Amino acid sequence: KPEEVVFENEQIYDKFARGVVILSDLLK
């Protein structure tokens, strides 16, 4: 996997997209 980074300037829709990615990773 690519290295993790600390996310800056996240808006509400960015956090929603992050949630989509986390859910996708969990459910494969």
mmCIF file of all heavy atoms, coordinates in Angstrom:
data_MODEL
# 
_entry.id   MODEL 
# 
loop_
_atom_site.group_PDB 
_atom_site.id 
_atom_site.type_symbol 
_atom_site.label_atom_id 
_atom_site.label_alt_id 
_atom_site.label_comp_id 
_atom_site.label_asym_id 
_atom_site.label_entity_id 
_atom_site.label_seq_id 
_atom_site.pdbx_PDB_ins_code 
_atom_site.Cartn_x 
_atom_site.Cartn_y 
_atom_site.Cartn_z 
_atom_site.occupancy 
_atom_site.B_iso_or_equiv 
_atom_site.pdbx_formal_charge 
_atom_site.auth_seq_id 
_atom_site.auth_comp_id 
_atom_site.auth_asym_id 
_atom_site.auth_atom_id 
_atom_site.pdbx_PDB_model_num 
ATOM 1   N N   . LYS A 1 1  ? 0.836   -1.203 0.000  1.00 0.00 ? 1  LYS A N   1 
ATOM 2   C CA  . LYS A 1 1  ? 0.000   0.000  0.000  1.00 0.00 ? 1  LYS A CA  1 
ATOM 3   C C   . LYS A 1 1  ? 0.869   1.251  0.000  1.00 0.00 ? 1  LYS A C   1 
ATOM 4   O O   . LYS A 1 1  ? 1.968   1.254  0.574  1.00 0.00 ? 1  LYS A O   1 
ATOM 5   C CB  . LYS A 1 1  ? -0.896  0.020  1.237  1.00 0.00 ? 1  LYS A CB  1 
ATOM 6   C CG  . LYS A 1 1  ? -2.036  -0.972 1.223  1.00 0.00 ? 1  LYS A CG  1 
ATOM 7   C CD  . LYS A 1 1  ? -2.806  -0.931 2.543  1.00 0.00 ? 1  LYS A CD  1 
ATOM 8   C CE  . LYS A 1 1  ? -3.364  0.447  2.828  1.00 0.00 ? 1  LYS A CE  1 
ATOM 9   N NZ  . LYS A 1 1  ? -4.154  0.484  4.074  1.00 0.00 ? 1  LYS A NZ  1 
ATOM 10  N N   . PRO A 1 2  ? 0.371   2.355  -0.588 1.00 0.00 ? 2  PRO A N   1 
ATOM 11  C CA  . PRO A 1 2  ? 1.113   3.617  -0.498 1.00 0.00 ? 2  PRO A CA  1 
ATOM 12  C C   . PRO A 1 2  ? 1.195   4.110  0.942  1.00 0.00 ? 2  PRO A C   1 
ATOM 13  O O   . PRO A 1 2  ? 0.376   3.738  1.792  1.00 0.00 ? 2  PRO A O   1 
ATOM 14  C CB  . PRO A 1 2  ? 0.264   4.585  -1.340 1.00 0.00 ? 2  PRO A CB  1 
ATOM 15  C CG  . PRO A 1 2  ? -0.633  3.738  -2.149 1.00 0.00 ? 2  PRO A CG  1 
ATOM 16  C CD  . PRO A 1 2  ? -0.856  2.481  -1.381 1.00 0.00 ? 2  PRO A CD  1 
ATOM 17  N N   . GLU A 1 3  ? 2.190   4.920  1.206  1.00 0.00 ? 3  GLU A N   1 
ATOM 18  C CA  . GLU A 1 3  ? 2.356   5.488  2.545  1.00 0.00 ? 3  GLU A CA  1 
ATOM 19  C C   . GLU A 1 3  ? 1.136   6.325  2.936  1.00 0.00 ? 3  GLU A C   1 
ATOM 20  O O   . GLU A 1 3  ? 0.501   6.954  2.093  1.00 0.00 ? 3  GLU A O   1 
ATOM 21  C CB  . GLU A 1 3  ? 3.605   6.378  2.580  1.00 0.00 ? 3  GLU A CB  1 
ATOM 22  C CG  . GLU A 1 3  ? 4.904   5.617  2.363  1.00 0.00 ? 3  GLU A CG  1 
ATOM 23  C CD  . GLU A 1 3  ? 6.102   6.544  2.249  1.00 0.00 ? 3  GLU A CD  1 
ATOM 24  O OE1 . GLU A 1 3  ? 5.935   7.770  2.484  1.00 0.00 ? 3  GLU A OE1 1 
ATOM 25  O OE2 . GLU A 1 3  ? 7.198   6.060  1.916  1.00 0.00 ? 3  GLU A OE2 1 
ATOM 26  N N   . GLU A 1 4  ? 0.827   6.335  4.217  1.00 0.00 ? 4  GLU A N   1 
ATOM 27  C CA  . GLU A 1 4  ? -0.263  7.164  4.728  1.00 0.00 ? 4  GLU A CA  1 
ATOM 28  C C   . GLU A 1 4  ? 0.203   8.618  4.826  1.00 0.00 ? 4  GLU A C   1 
ATOM 29  O O   . GLU A 1 4  ? 1.385   8.892  5.028  1.00 0.00 ? 4  GLU A O   1 
ATOM 30  C CB  . GLU A 1 4  ? -0.698  6.673  6.108  1.00 0.00 ? 4  GLU A CB  1 
ATOM 31  C CG  . GLU A 1 4  ? -1.236  5.243  6.126  1.00 0.00 ? 4  GLU A CG  1 
ATOM 32  C CD  . GLU A 1 4  ? -2.605  5.127  5.489  1.00 0.00 ? 4  GLU A CD  1 
ATOM 33  O OE1 . GLU A 1 4  ? -3.292  6.170  5.381  1.00 0.00 ? 4  GLU A OE1 1 
ATOM 34  O OE2 . GLU A 1 4  ? -2.980  4.009  5.079  1.00 0.00 ? 4  GLU A OE2 1 
ATOM 35  N N   . VAL A 1 5  ? -0.724  9.540  4.688  1.00 0.00 ? 5  VAL A N   1 
ATOM 36  C CA  . VAL A 1 5  ? -0.419  10.957 4.905  1.00 0.00 ? 5  VAL A CA  1 
ATOM 37  C C   . VAL A 1 5  ? -1.460  11.550 5.846  1.00 0.00 ? 5  VAL A C   1 
ATOM 38  O O   . VAL A 1 5  ? -2.543  10.989 6.018  1.00 0.00 ? 5  VAL A O   1 
ATOM 39  C CB  . VAL A 1 5  ? -0.403  11.762 3.580  1.00 0.00 ? 5  VAL A CB  1 
ATOM 40  C CG1 . VAL A 1 5  ? 0.689   11.269 2.651  1.00 0.00 ? 5  VAL A CG1 1 
ATOM 41  C CG2 . VAL A 1 5  ? -1.752  11.716 2.888  1.00 0.00 ? 5  VAL A CG2 1 
ATOM 42  N N   . VAL A 1 6  ? -1.116  12.677 6.438  1.00 0.00 ? 6  VAL A N   1 
ATOM 43  C CA  . VAL A 1 6  ? -2.074  13.405 7.275  1.00 0.00 ? 6  VAL A CA  1 
ATOM 44  C C   . VAL A 1 6  ? -2.857  14.342 6.358  1.00 0.00 ? 6  VAL A C   1 
ATOM 45  O O   . VAL A 1 6  ? -2.276  15.165 5.653  1.00 0.00 ? 6  VAL A O   1 
ATOM 46  C CB  . VAL A 1 6  ? -1.348  14.217 8.375  1.00 0.00 ? 6  VAL A CB  1 
ATOM 47  C CG1 . VAL A 1 6  ? -2.354  15.031 9.181  1.00 0.00 ? 6  VAL A CG1 1 
ATOM 48  C CG2 . VAL A 1 6  ? -0.565  13.279 9.286  1.00 0.00 ? 6  VAL A CG2 1 
ATOM 49  N N   . PHE A 1 7  ? -4.176  14.227 6.339  1.00 0.00 ? 7  PHE A N   1 
ATOM 50  C CA  . PHE A 1 7  ? -5.001  15.003 5.418  1.00 0.00 ? 7  PHE A CA  1 
ATOM 51  C C   . PHE A 1 7  ? -5.280  16.391 5.975  1.00 0.00 ? 7  PHE A C   1 
ATOM 52  O O   . PHE A 1 7  ? -5.641  16.555 7.132  1.00 0.00 ? 7  PHE A O   1 
ATOM 53  C CB  . PHE A 1 7  ? -6.307  14.267 5.135  1.00 0.00 ? 7  PHE A CB  1 
ATOM 54  C CG  . PHE A 1 7  ? -6.090  12.938 4.457  1.00 0.00 ? 7  PHE A CG  1 
ATOM 55  C CD1 . PHE A 1 7  ? -6.362  11.757 5.129  1.00 0.00 ? 7  PHE A CD1 1 
ATOM 56  C CD2 . PHE A 1 7  ? -5.572  12.878 3.177  1.00 0.00 ? 7  PHE A CD2 1 
ATOM 57  C CE1 . PHE A 1 7  ? -6.142  10.536 4.511  1.00 0.00 ? 7  PHE A CE1 1 
ATOM 58  C CE2 . PHE A 1 7  ? -5.345  11.662 2.557  1.00 0.00 ? 7  PHE A CE2 1 
ATOM 59  C CZ  . PHE A 1 7  ? -5.633  10.489 3.226  1.00 0.00 ? 7  PHE A CZ  1 
ATOM 60  N N   . GLU A 1 8  ? -5.094  17.382 5.120  1.00 0.00 ? 8  GLU A N   1 
ATOM 61  C CA  . GLU A 1 8  ? -5.320  18.784 5.474  1.00 0.00 ? 8  GLU A CA  1 
ATOM 62  C C   . GLU A 1 8  ? -6.550  19.308 4.728  1.00 0.00 ? 8  GLU A C   1 
ATOM 63  O O   . GLU A 1 8  ? -6.920  18.817 3.666  1.00 0.00 ? 8  GLU A O   1 
ATOM 64  C CB  . GLU A 1 8  ? -4.109  19.639 5.081  1.00 0.00 ? 8  GLU A CB  1 
ATOM 65  C CG  . GLU A 1 8  ? -2.792  19.203 5.700  1.00 0.00 ? 8  GLU A CG  1 
ATOM 66  C CD  . GLU A 1 8  ? -2.660  19.616 7.157  1.00 0.00 ? 8  GLU A CD  1 
ATOM 67  O OE1 . GLU A 1 8  ? -3.522  20.401 7.615  1.00 0.00 ? 8  GLU A OE1 1 
ATOM 68  O OE2 . GLU A 1 8  ? -1.704  19.171 7.808  1.00 0.00 ? 8  GLU A OE2 1 
ATOM 69  N N   . ASN A 1 9  ? -7.165  20.330 5.302  1.00 0.00 ? 9  ASN A N   1 
ATOM 70  C CA  . ASN A 1 9  ? -8.211  21.078 4.605  1.00 0.00 ? 9  ASN A CA  1 
ATOM 71  C C   . ASN A 1 9  ? -9.371  20.189 4.144  1.00 0.00 ? 9  ASN A C   1 
ATOM 72  O O   . ASN A 1 9  ? -9.945  20.400 3.079  1.00 0.00 ? 9  ASN A O   1 
ATOM 73  C CB  . ASN A 1 9  ? -7.600  21.802 3.396  1.00 0.00 ? 9  ASN A CB  1 
ATOM 74  C CG  . ASN A 1 9  ? -8.436  22.975 2.930  1.00 0.00 ? 9  ASN A CG  1 
ATOM 75  O OD1 . ASN A 1 9  ? -9.050  23.652 3.742  1.00 0.00 ? 9  ASN A OD1 1 
ATOM 76  N ND2 . ASN A 1 9  ? -8.472  23.197 1.632  1.00 0.00 ? 9  ASN A ND2 1 
ATOM 77  N N   . GLU A 1 10 ? -9.728  19.191 4.953  1.00 0.00 ? 10 GLU A N   1 
ATOM 78  C CA  . GLU A 1 10 ? -10.841 18.306 4.593  1.00 0.00 ? 10 GLU A CA  1 
ATOM 79  C C   . GLU A 1 10 ? -12.176 19.014 4.817  1.00 0.00 ? 10 GLU A C   1 
ATOM 80  O O   . GLU A 1 10 ? -12.436 19.512 5.910  1.00 0.00 ? 10 GLU A O   1 
ATOM 81  C CB  . GLU A 1 10 ? -10.815 17.036 5.438  1.00 0.00 ? 10 GLU A CB  1 
ATOM 82  C CG  . GLU A 1 10 ? -9.820  16.001 4.987  1.00 0.00 ? 10 GLU A CG  1 
ATOM 83  C CD  . GLU A 1 10 ? -9.947  14.720 5.798  1.00 0.00 ? 10 GLU A CD  1 
ATOM 84  O OE1 . GLU A 1 10 ? -9.702  14.767 7.016  1.00 0.00 ? 10 GLU A OE1 1 
ATOM 85  O OE2 . GLU A 1 10 ? -10.297 13.688 5.226  1.00 0.00 ? 10 GLU A OE2 1 
ATOM 86  N N   . GLN A 1 11 ? -13.009 19.020 3.785  1.00 0.00 ? 11 GLN A N   1 
ATOM 87  C CA  . GLN A 1 11 ? -14.359 19.540 3.898  1.00 0.00 ? 11 GLN A CA  1 
ATOM 88  C C   . GLN A 1 11 ? -15.318 18.370 4.123  1.00 0.00 ? 11 GLN A C   1 
ATOM 89  O O   . GLN A 1 11 ? -14.931 17.210 4.062  1.00 0.00 ? 11 GLN A O   1 
ATOM 90  C CB  . GLN A 1 11 ? -14.737 20.308 2.630  1.00 0.00 ? 11 GLN A CB  1 
ATOM 91  C CG  . GLN A 1 11 ? -13.751 21.392 2.246  1.00 0.00 ? 11 GLN A CG  1 
ATOM 92  C CD  . GLN A 1 11 ? -13.582 22.458 3.322  1.00 0.00 ? 11 GLN A CD  1 
ATOM 93  O OE1 . GLN A 1 11 ? -14.572 22.971 3.834  1.00 0.00 ? 11 GLN A OE1 1 
ATOM 94  N NE2 . GLN A 1 11 ? -12.341 22.790 3.656  1.00 0.00 ? 11 GLN A NE2 1 
ATOM 95  N N   . ILE A 1 12 ? -16.598 18.672 4.356  1.00 0.00 ? 12 ILE A N   1 
ATOM 96  C CA  . ILE A 1 12 ? -17.555 17.623 4.697  1.00 0.00 ? 12 ILE A CA  1 
ATOM 97  C C   . ILE A 1 12 ? -17.655 16.561 3.603  1.00 0.00 ? 12 ILE A C   1 
ATOM 98  O O   . ILE A 1 12 ? -17.739 15.364 3.887  1.00 0.00 ? 12 ILE A O   1 
ATOM 99  C CB  . ILE A 1 12 ? -18.951 18.231 5.011  1.00 0.00 ? 12 ILE A CB  1 
ATOM 100 C CG1 . ILE A 1 12 ? -19.895 17.121 5.480  1.00 0.00 ? 12 ILE A CG1 1 
ATOM 101 C CG2 . ILE A 1 12 ? -19.517 18.990 3.798  1.00 0.00 ? 12 ILE A CG2 1 
ATOM 102 C CD1 . ILE A 1 12 ? -21.198 17.652 6.063  1.00 0.00 ? 12 ILE A CD1 1 
ATOM 103 N N   . TYR A 1 13 ? -17.611 16.978 2.315  1.00 0.00 ? 13 TYR A N   1 
ATOM 104 C CA  . TYR A 1 13 ? -17.745 16.003 1.237  1.00 0.00 ? 13 TYR A CA  1 
ATOM 105 C C   . TYR A 1 13 ? -16.472 15.170 1.070  1.00 0.00 ? 13 TYR A C   1 
ATOM 106 O O   . TYR A 1 13 ? -16.522 14.031 0.603  1.00 0.00 ? 13 TYR A O   1 
ATOM 107 C CB  . TYR A 1 13 ? -18.126 16.691 -0.071 1.00 0.00 ? 13 TYR A CB  1 
ATOM 108 C CG  . TYR A 1 13 ? -19.446 17.428 0.026  1.00 0.00 ? 13 TYR A CG  1 
ATOM 109 C CD1 . TYR A 1 13 ? -19.533 18.796 -0.229 1.00 0.00 ? 13 TYR A CD1 1 
ATOM 110 C CD2 . TYR A 1 13 ? -20.613 16.756 0.404  1.00 0.00 ? 13 TYR A CD2 1 
ATOM 111 C CE1 . TYR A 1 13 ? -20.741 19.464 -0.128 1.00 0.00 ? 13 TYR A CE1 1 
ATOM 112 C CE2 . TYR A 1 13 ? -21.830 17.424 0.512  1.00 0.00 ? 13 TYR A CE2 1 
ATOM 113 C CZ  . TYR A 1 13 ? -21.881 18.783 0.248  1.00 0.00 ? 13 TYR A CZ  1 
ATOM 114 O OH  . TYR A 1 13 ? -23.081 19.440 0.361  1.00 0.00 ? 13 TYR A OH  1 
ATOM 115 N N   . ASP A 1 14 ? -15.323 15.729 1.453  1.00 0.00 ? 14 ASP A N   1 
ATOM 116 C CA  . ASP A 1 14 ? -14.086 14.945 1.476  1.00 0.00 ? 14 ASP A CA  1 
ATOM 117 C C   . ASP A 1 14 ? -14.206 13.829 2.513  1.00 0.00 ? 14 ASP A C   1 
ATOM 118 O O   . ASP A 1 14 ? -13.841 12.679 2.256  1.00 0.00 ? 14 ASP A O   1 
ATOM 119 C CB  . ASP A 1 14 ? -12.885 15.838 1.826  1.00 0.00 ? 14 ASP A CB  1 
ATOM 120 C CG  . ASP A 1 14 ? -12.664 16.940 0.814  1.00 0.00 ? 14 ASP A CG  1 
ATOM 121 O OD1 . ASP A 1 14 ? -12.710 16.660 -0.383 1.00 0.00 ? 14 ASP A OD1 1 
ATOM 122 O OD2 . ASP A 1 14 ? -12.467 18.100 1.243  1.00 0.00 ? 14 ASP A OD2 1 
ATOM 123 N N   . LYS A 1 15 ? -14.718 14.171 3.680  1.00 0.00 ? 15 LYS A N   1 
ATOM 124 C CA  . LYS A 1 15 ? -14.857 13.172 4.748  1.00 0.00 ? 15 LYS A CA  1 
ATOM 125 C C   . LYS A 1 15 ? -15.857 12.095 4.353  1.00 0.00 ? 15 LYS A C   1 
ATOM 126 O O   . LYS A 1 15 ? -15.684 10.914 4.681  1.00 0.00 ? 15 LYS A O   1 
ATOM 127 C CB  . LYS A 1 15 ? -15.277 13.860 6.044  1.00 0.00 ? 15 LYS A CB  1 
ATOM 128 C CG  . LYS A 1 15 ? -14.201 14.769 6.616  1.00 0.00 ? 15 LYS A CG  1 
ATOM 129 C CD  . LYS A 1 15 ? -14.661 15.511 7.855  1.00 0.00 ? 15 LYS A CD  1 
ATOM 130 C CE  . LYS A 1 15 ? -13.555 16.426 8.372  1.00 0.00 ? 15 LYS A CE  1 
ATOM 131 N NZ  . LYS A 1 15 ? -13.980 17.199 9.572  1.00 0.00 ? 15 LYS A NZ  1 
ATOM 132 N N   . PHE A 1 16 ? -16.891 12.481 3.631  1.00 0.00 ? 16 PHE A N   1 
ATOM 133 C CA  . PHE A 1 16 ? -17.856 11.503 3.143  1.00 0.00 ? 16 PHE A CA  1 
ATOM 134 C C   . PHE A 1 16 ? -17.162 10.527 2.184  1.00 0.00 ? 16 PHE A C   1 
ATOM 135 O O   . PHE A 1 16 ? -17.354 9.307  2.271  1.00 0.00 ? 16 PHE A O   1 
ATOM 136 C CB  . PHE A 1 16 ? -19.006 12.216 2.431  1.00 0.00 ? 16 PHE A CB  1 
ATOM 137 C CG  . PHE A 1 16 ? -20.178 11.327 2.118  1.00 0.00 ? 16 PHE A CG  1 
ATOM 138 C CD1 . PHE A 1 16 ? -21.279 11.266 2.965  1.00 0.00 ? 16 PHE A CD1 1 
ATOM 139 C CD2 . PHE A 1 16 ? -20.184 10.544 0.972  1.00 0.00 ? 16 PHE A CD2 1 
ATOM 140 C CE1 . PHE A 1 16 ? -22.349 10.446 2.668  1.00 0.00 ? 16 PHE A CE1 1 
ATOM 141 C CE2 . PHE A 1 16 ? -21.248 9.731  0.673  1.00 0.00 ? 16 PHE A CE2 1 
ATOM 142 C CZ  . PHE A 1 16 ? -22.337 9.671  1.522  1.00 0.00 ? 16 PHE A CZ  1 
ATOM 143 N N   . ALA A 1 17 ? -16.341 11.074 1.275  1.00 0.00 ? 17 ALA A N   1 
ATOM 144 C CA  . ALA A 1 17 ? -15.608 10.219 0.330  1.00 0.00 ? 17 ALA A CA  1 
ATOM 145 C C   . ALA A 1 17 ? -14.634 9.312  1.070  1.00 0.00 ? 17 ALA A C   1 
ATOM 146 O O   . ALA A 1 17 ? -14.456 8.142  0.690  1.00 0.00 ? 17 ALA A O   1 
ATOM 147 C CB  . ALA A 1 17 ? -14.854 11.091 -0.678 1.00 0.00 ? 17 ALA A CB  1 
ATOM 148 N N   . ARG A 1 18 ? -14.007 9.828  2.127  1.00 0.00 ? 18 ARG A N   1 
ATOM 149 C CA  . ARG A 1 18 ? -13.100 8.987  2.913  1.00 0.00 ? 18 ARG A CA  1 
ATOM 150 C C   . ARG A 1 18 ? -13.878 7.833  3.535  1.00 0.00 ? 18 ARG A C   1 
ATOM 151 O O   . ARG A 1 18 ? -13.404 6.705  3.610  1.00 0.00 ? 18 ARG A O   1 
ATOM 152 C CB  . ARG A 1 18 ? -12.399 9.812  3.990  1.00 0.00 ? 18 ARG A CB  1 
ATOM 153 C CG  . ARG A 1 18 ? -11.483 8.965  4.865  1.00 0.00 ? 18 ARG A CG  1 
ATOM 154 C CD  . ARG A 1 18 ? -10.202 9.656  5.245  1.00 0.00 ? 18 ARG A CD  1 
ATOM 155 N NE  . ARG A 1 18 ? -10.343 10.843 6.039  1.00 0.00 ? 18 ARG A NE  1 
ATOM 156 C CZ  . ARG A 1 18 ? -9.826  10.971 7.280  1.00 0.00 ? 18 ARG A CZ  1 
ATOM 157 N NH1 . ARG A 1 18 ? -9.205  9.958  7.854  1.00 0.00 ? 18 ARG A NH1 1 
ATOM 158 N NH2 . ARG A 1 18 ? -9.931  12.108 7.919  1.00 0.00 ? 18 ARG A NH2 1 
ATOM 159 N N   . GLY A 1 19 ? -15.113 8.117  3.966  1.00 0.00 ? 19 GLY A N   1 
ATOM 160 C CA  . GLY A 1 19 ? -15.956 7.072  4.527  1.00 0.00 ? 19 GLY A CA  1 
ATOM 161 C C   . GLY A 1 19 ? -16.276 5.991  3.496  1.00 0.00 ? 19 GLY A C   1 
ATOM 162 O O   . GLY A 1 19 ? -16.294 4.800  3.816  1.00 0.00 ? 19 GLY A O   1 
ATOM 163 N N   . VAL A 1 20 ? -16.522 6.417  2.270  1.00 0.00 ? 20 VAL A N   1 
ATOM 164 C CA  . VAL A 1 20 ? -16.776 5.466  1.178  1.00 0.00 ? 20 VAL A CA  1 
ATOM 165 C C   . VAL A 1 20 ? -15.576 4.542  0.997  1.00 0.00 ? 20 VAL A C   1 
ATOM 166 O O   . VAL A 1 20 ? -15.706 3.318  0.866  1.00 0.00 ? 20 VAL A O   1 
ATOM 167 C CB  . VAL A 1 20 ? -17.081 6.216  -0.136 1.00 0.00 ? 20 VAL A CB  1 
ATOM 168 C CG1 . VAL A 1 20 ? -17.081 5.261  -1.328 1.00 0.00 ? 20 VAL A CG1 1 
ATOM 169 C CG2 . VAL A 1 20 ? -18.417 6.939  -0.038 1.00 0.00 ? 20 VAL A CG2 1 
ATOM 170 N N   . VAL A 1 21 ? -14.382 5.124  1.005  1.00 0.00 ? 21 VAL A N   1 
ATOM 171 C CA  . VAL A 1 21 ? -13.156 4.340  0.812  1.00 0.00 ? 21 VAL A CA  1 
ATOM 172 C C   . VAL A 1 21 ? -12.933 3.383  1.980  1.00 0.00 ? 21 VAL A C   1 
ATOM 173 O O   . VAL A 1 21 ? -12.593 2.199  1.783  1.00 0.00 ? 21 VAL A O   1 
ATOM 174 C CB  . VAL A 1 21 ? -11.943 5.272  0.615  1.00 0.00 ? 21 VAL A CB  1 
ATOM 175 C CG1 . VAL A 1 21 ? -10.633 4.487  0.643  1.00 0.00 ? 21 VAL A CG1 1 
ATOM 176 C CG2 . VAL A 1 21 ? -12.074 6.040  -0.689 1.00 0.00 ? 21 VAL A CG2 1 
ATOM 177 N N   . ILE A 1 22 ? -13.125 3.863  3.191  1.00 0.00 ? 22 ILE A N   1 
ATOM 178 C CA  . ILE A 1 22 ? -12.946 2.998  4.373  1.00 0.00 ? 22 ILE A CA  1 
ATOM 179 C C   . ILE A 1 22 ? -13.911 1.818  4.317  1.00 0.00 ? 22 ILE A C   1 
ATOM 180 O O   . ILE A 1 22 ? -13.541 0.660  4.557  1.00 0.00 ? 22 ILE A O   1 
ATOM 181 C CB  . ILE A 1 22 ? -13.149 3.815  5.669  1.00 0.00 ? 22 ILE A CB  1 
ATOM 182 C CG1 . ILE A 1 22 ? -11.992 4.808  5.850  1.00 0.00 ? 22 ILE A CG1 1 
ATOM 183 C CG2 . ILE A 1 22 ? -13.241 2.892  6.884  1.00 0.00 ? 22 ILE A CG2 1 
ATOM 184 C CD1 . ILE A 1 22 ? -12.219 5.826  6.956  1.00 0.00 ? 22 ILE A CD1 1 
ATOM 185 N N   . LEU A 1 23 ? -15.175 2.105  3.989  1.00 0.00 ? 23 LEU A N   1 
ATOM 186 C CA  . LEU A 1 23 ? -16.182 1.043  3.898  1.00 0.00 ? 23 LEU A CA  1 
ATOM 187 C C   . LEU A 1 23 ? -15.817 0.045  2.798  1.00 0.00 ? 23 LEU A C   1 
ATOM 188 O O   . LEU A 1 23 ? -15.930 -1.176 2.983  1.00 0.00 ? 23 LEU A O   1 
ATOM 189 C CB  . LEU A 1 23 ? -17.550 1.658  3.620  1.00 0.00 ? 23 LEU A CB  1 
ATOM 190 C CG  . LEU A 1 23 ? -18.752 0.697  3.587  1.00 0.00 ? 23 LEU A CG  1 
ATOM 191 C CD1 . LEU A 1 23 ? -18.890 -0.038 4.909  1.00 0.00 ? 23 LEU A CD1 1 
ATOM 192 C CD2 . LEU A 1 23 ? -20.027 1.466  3.254  1.00 0.00 ? 23 LEU A CD2 1 
ATOM 193 N N   . SER A 1 24 ? -15.362 0.551  1.660  1.00 0.00 ? 24 SER A N   1 
ATOM 194 C CA  . SER A 1 24 ? -14.956 -0.323 0.563  1.00 0.00 ? 24 SER A CA  1 
ATOM 195 C C   . SER A 1 24 ? -13.798 -1.227 0.974  1.00 0.00 ? 24 SER A C   1 
ATOM 196 O O   . SER A 1 24 ? -13.791 -2.426 0.669  1.00 0.00 ? 24 SER A O   1 
ATOM 197 C CB  . SER A 1 24 ? -14.555 0.523  -0.645 1.00 0.00 ? 24 SER A CB  1 
ATOM 198 O OG  . SER A 1 24 ? -13.891 -0.252 -1.605 1.00 0.00 ? 24 SER A OG  1 
ATOM 199 N N   . ASP A 1 25 ? -12.816 -0.656 1.667  1.00 0.00 ? 25 ASP A N   1 
ATOM 200 C CA  . ASP A 1 25 ? -11.673 -1.452 2.120  1.00 0.00 ? 25 ASP A CA  1 
ATOM 201 C C   . ASP A 1 25 ? -12.105 -2.525 3.113  1.00 0.00 ? 25 ASP A C   1 
ATOM 202 O O   . ASP A 1 25 ? -11.626 -3.668 3.068  1.00 0.00 ? 25 ASP A O   1 
ATOM 203 C CB  . ASP A 1 25 ? -10.607 -0.545 2.750  1.00 0.00 ? 25 ASP A CB  1 
ATOM 204 C CG  . ASP A 1 25 ? -9.896  0.323  1.709  1.00 0.00 ? 25 ASP A CG  1 
ATOM 205 O OD1 . ASP A 1 25 ? -10.055 0.058  0.501  1.00 0.00 ? 25 ASP A OD1 1 
ATOM 206 O OD2 . ASP A 1 25 ? -9.188  1.269  2.115  1.00 0.00 ? 25 ASP A OD2 1 
ATOM 207 N N   . LEU A 1 26 ? -13.016 -2.171 4.023  1.00 0.00 ? 26 LEU A N   1 
ATOM 208 C CA  . LEU A 1 26 ? -13.492 -3.135 5.032  1.00 0.00 ? 26 LEU A CA  1 
ATOM 209 C C   . LEU A 1 26 ? -14.271 -4.278 4.382  1.00 0.00 ? 26 LEU A C   1 
ATOM 210 O O   . LEU A 1 26 ? -14.113 -5.446 4.765  1.00 0.00 ? 26 LEU A O   1 
ATOM 211 C CB  . LEU A 1 26 ? -14.371 -2.428 6.063  1.00 0.00 ? 26 LEU A CB  1 
ATOM 212 C CG  . LEU A 1 26 ? -13.653 -1.530 7.077  1.00 0.00 ? 26 LEU A CG  1 
ATOM 213 C CD1 . LEU A 1 26 ? -14.673 -0.750 7.904  1.00 0.00 ? 26 LEU A CD1 1 
ATOM 214 C CD2 . LEU A 1 26 ? -12.774 -2.373 8.005  1.00 0.00 ? 26 LEU A CD2 1 
ATOM 215 N N   . LEU A 1 27 ? -15.121 -3.947 3.417  1.00 0.00 ? 27 LEU A N   1 
ATOM 216 C CA  . LEU A 1 27 ? -15.968 -4.950 2.765  1.00 0.00 ? 27 LEU A CA  1 
ATOM 217 C C   . LEU A 1 27 ? -15.274 -5.628 1.583  1.00 0.00 ? 27 LEU A C   1 
ATOM 218 O O   . LEU A 1 27 ? -15.824 -6.568 1.005  1.00 0.00 ? 27 LEU A O   1 
ATOM 219 C CB  . LEU A 1 27 ? -17.269 -4.303 2.278  1.00 0.00 ? 27 LEU A CB  1 
ATOM 220 C CG  . LEU A 1 27 ? -18.189 -3.711 3.346  1.00 0.00 ? 27 LEU A CG  1 
ATOM 221 C CD1 . LEU A 1 27 ? -19.404 -3.065 2.690  1.00 0.00 ? 27 LEU A CD1 1 
ATOM 222 C CD2 . LEU A 1 27 ? -18.636 -4.789 4.340  1.00 0.00 ? 27 LEU A CD2 1 
ATOM 223 N N   . LYS A 1 28 ? -14.064 -5.122 1.236  1.00 0.00 ? 28 LYS A N   1 
ATOM 224 C CA  . LYS A 1 28 ? -13.337 -5.600 0.055  1.00 0.00 ? 28 LYS A CA  1 
ATOM 225 C C   . LYS A 1 28 ? -14.226 -5.534 -1.193 1.00 0.00 ? 28 LYS A C   1 
ATOM 226 O O   . LYS A 1 28 ? -14.315 -6.481 -1.987 1.00 0.00 ? 28 LYS A O   1 
ATOM 227 C CB  . LYS A 1 28 ? -12.807 -7.027 0.284  1.00 0.00 ? 28 LYS A CB  1 
ATOM 228 C CG  . LYS A 1 28 ? -11.853 -7.132 1.470  1.00 0.00 ? 28 LYS A CG  1 
ATOM 229 C CD  . LYS A 1 28 ? -11.174 -8.456 1.536  1.00 0.00 ? 28 LYS A CD  1 
ATOM 230 C CE  . LYS A 1 28 ? -10.286 -8.577 2.771  1.00 0.00 ? 28 LYS A CE  1 
ATOM 231 N NZ  . LYS A 1 28 ? -9.328  -7.490 2.938  1.00 0.00 ? 28 LYS A NZ  1 
# 
